[in-house]
Amino acid sequence: MWADMDPNVHMRHSAYNDYAAQTRLDFLAQNGFSMQKFAELAIGPILFREDTRFMKEIHLSETIHVTSELAGLNEDASRWRIVHIIRKSNGQVAASVTVDGAWLDLKRRKLTVPPADLAELMRAAPRHESYADIVRKPSE
């Protein structure tokens, strides 16, 4: 898409993160958690960290494929890590985007535990090869 390009005639750095975010939201929506559902529940996903690694350029009108895999989850599913792999049409990895996040209670503006069905969805999500349980230390 033209709006995704930068002056170097390849995809701008922040567009990679936009595609990763859209893929996360699509996964949730396809599994019963649309933005409307989140509004009804008064919760939403929030990010603490977003780490993007660039390997290959993506050029104008190039087809890409973005995957989302769970790389970590804590016991109550309130904290999570997701790895996105962005591939070119030839299968080459163009970038990886790793995000650490949680669920925000939109009324109280505090972190919250997700409803049971959302927690189960997260537990059943495809797992990245780097998956490790998220264990919080007592001081956190």
Protein backbone atom coordinates (compact mmCIF):
# COMPACT_ATOMS: atom_id res chain seq x y z
CA MET A 1 0.00 0.00 0.00
CA TRP A 2 1.35 3.43 -0.94
CA ALA A 3 0.70 4.86 2.54
CA ASP A 4 2.96 2.16 4.01
CA MET A 5 6.00 3.27 1.99
CA ASP A 6 8.82 5.54 3.13
CA PRO A 7 11.26 7.72 1.12
CA ASN A 8 13.57 4.70 0.66
CA VAL A 9 10.77 3.05 -1.37
CA HIS A 10 10.25 0.21 1.07
CA MET A 11 7.70 -0.35 3.81
CA ARG A 12 8.06 2.18 6.62
CA HIS A 13 9.13 0.80 9.97
CA SER A 14 5.88 1.51 11.83
CA ALA A 15 3.76 -0.23 9.18
CA TYR A 16 5.19 -3.58 10.27
CA ASN A 17 3.78 -2.95 13.74
CA ASP A 18 0.43 -1.88 12.25
CA TYR A 19 0.13 -5.19 10.37
CA ALA A 20 1.07 -7.14 13.50
CA ALA A 21 -1.56 -5.28 15.54
CA GLN A 22 -4.22 -5.90 12.89
CA THR A 23 -3.37 -9.61 12.87
CA ARG A 24 -3.78 -9.77 16.68
CA LEU A 25 -7.13 -8.02 16.49
CA ASP A 26 -8.29 -10.24 13.61
CA PHE A 27 -7.42 -13.36 15.64
CA LEU A 28 -9.44 -12.11 18.60
CA ALA A 29 -12.40 -11.04 16.42
CA GLN A 30 -12.46 -14.35 14.53
CA ASN A 31 -12.70 -16.10 17.89
CA GLY A 32 -15.57 -14.09 19.35
CA PHE A 33 -13.76 -11.05 20.71
CA SER A 34 -14.47 -8.20 18.31
CA MET A 35 -13.87 -4.58 19.27
CA GLN A 36 -17.61 -4.38 19.97
CA LYS A 37 -17.37 -7.34 22.36
CA PHE A 38 -14.42 -5.73 24.16
CA ALA A 39 -16.46 -2.51 24.48
CA GLU A 40 -19.34 -4.49 26.01
CA LEU A 41 -16.93 -6.17 28.45
CA ALA A 42 -15.23 -2.81 29.13
CA ILE A 43 -11.78 -4.37 28.73
CA GLY A 44 -9.13 -4.17 26.05
CA PRO A 45 -5.61 -5.29 25.22
CA ILE A 46 -2.74 -3.02 26.24
CA LEU A 47 0.95 -3.26 25.33
CA PHE A 48 3.95 -2.83 27.61
CA ARG A 49 6.60 -3.56 25.02
CA GLU A 50 6.83 -3.85 21.24
CA ASP A 51 10.10 -5.09 19.73
CA THR A 52 10.51 -5.15 15.95
CA ARG A 53 13.40 -6.84 14.16
CA PHE A 54 13.87 -6.15 10.45
CA MET A 55 15.49 -8.75 8.19
CA LYS A 56 14.37 -8.07 4.59
CA GLU A 57 12.83 -5.12 2.78
CA ILE A 58 9.20 -5.19 1.70
CA HIS A 59 8.50 -3.18 -1.44
CA LEU A 60 5.41 -1.53 -2.90
CA SER A 61 2.61 -3.97 -3.81
CA GLU A 62 4.54 -6.93 -2.41
CA THR A 63 2.33 -9.60 -0.86
CA ILE A 64 3.07 -10.41 2.78
CA HIS A 65 1.80 -12.99 5.26
CA VAL A 66 1.65 -12.23 8.99
CA THR A 67 1.32 -14.86 11.70
CA SER A 68 0.60 -14.52 15.41
CA GLU A 69 1.77 -17.09 17.94
CA LEU A 70 1.65 -17.08 21.71
CA ALA A 71 5.16 -16.90 23.19
CA GLY A 72 4.16 -16.59 26.84
CA LEU A 73 1.19 -16.52 29.19
CA ASN A 74 0.89 -16.24 32.95
CA GLU A 75 -1.30 -18.51 35.07
CA ASP A 76 -4.47 -16.39 35.00
CA ALA A 77 -3.94 -15.27 31.36
CA SER A 78 -3.73 -11.63 32.43
CA ARG A 79 -0.24 -11.17 30.94
CA TRP A 80 0.88 -12.44 27.55
CA ARG A 81 3.61 -12.32 24.93
CA ILE A 82 2.89 -12.71 21.22
CA VAL A 83 5.38 -13.15 18.38
CA HIS A 84 4.40 -12.07 14.88
CA ILE A 85 6.39 -13.25 11.88
CA ILE A 86 6.02 -11.18 8.71
CA ARG A 87 6.97 -13.14 5.59
CA LYS A 88 7.42 -12.10 2.00
CA SER A 89 5.54 -14.05 -0.68
CA ASN A 90 8.66 -16.18 -1.29
CA GLY A 91 8.60 -17.29 2.35
CA GLN A 92 11.55 -15.19 3.50
CA VAL A 93 11.16 -13.67 6.94
CA ALA A 94 11.02 -9.89 6.52
CA ALA A 95 10.51 -9.03 10.19
CA SER A 96 9.46 -10.26 13.59
CA VAL A 97 7.39 -8.26 16.04
CA THR A 98 7.24 -9.35 19.69
CA VAL A 99 4.76 -7.71 22.03
CA ASP A 100 4.22 -8.04 25.77
CA GLY A 101 0.75 -7.13 26.91
CA ALA A 102 -2.10 -7.48 29.36
CA TRP A 103 -5.81 -6.69 29.69
CA LEU A 104 -7.01 -3.26 30.82
CA ASP A 105 -10.28 -2.63 32.66
CA LEU A 106 -11.51 0.37 30.67
CA LYS A 107 -13.66 1.75 33.50
CA ARG A 108 -11.17 1.46 36.36
CA ARG A 109 -8.11 2.03 34.10
CA LYS A 110 -6.37 -0.83 35.90
CA LEU A 111 -4.97 -4.14 34.71
CA THR A 112 -7.43 -7.00 35.02
CA VAL A 113 -7.86 -10.75 34.63
CA PRO A 114 -9.73 -11.62 31.42
CA PRO A 115 -13.10 -13.40 31.44
CA ALA A 116 -12.82 -17.21 31.49
CA ASP A 117 -13.65 -17.65 27.78
CA LEU A 118 -10.98 -15.13 26.73
CA ALA A 119 -8.45 -16.79 29.06
CA GLU A 120 -9.25 -20.16 27.44
CA LEU A 121 -8.83 -18.67 23.96
CA MET A 122 -5.40 -17.37 24.93
CA ARG A 123 -4.41 -20.75 26.41
CA ALA A 124 -5.50 -22.50 23.20
CA ALA A 125 -3.75 -20.05 20.83
CA PRO A 126 -1.03 -21.41 18.52
CA ARG A 127 2.30 -21.42 20.35
CA HIS A 128 5.59 -20.02 19.14
CA GLU A 129 8.67 -22.24 19.41
CA SER A 130 10.02 -19.86 22.09
CA TYR A 131 6.95 -20.25 24.34
CA ALA A 132 7.64 -20.01 28.08
CA ASP A 133 5.21 -19.49 30.94
CA ILE A 134 5.30 -15.96 32.33
CA VAL A 135 6.04 -16.18 36.04
CA ARG A 136 5.98 -12.97 38.03
CA LYS A 137 8.49 -12.57 40.80
CA PRO A 138 7.08 -11.54 44.23
CA SER A 139 8.65 -8.07 43.87
CA GLU A 140 6.73 -7.32 40.63
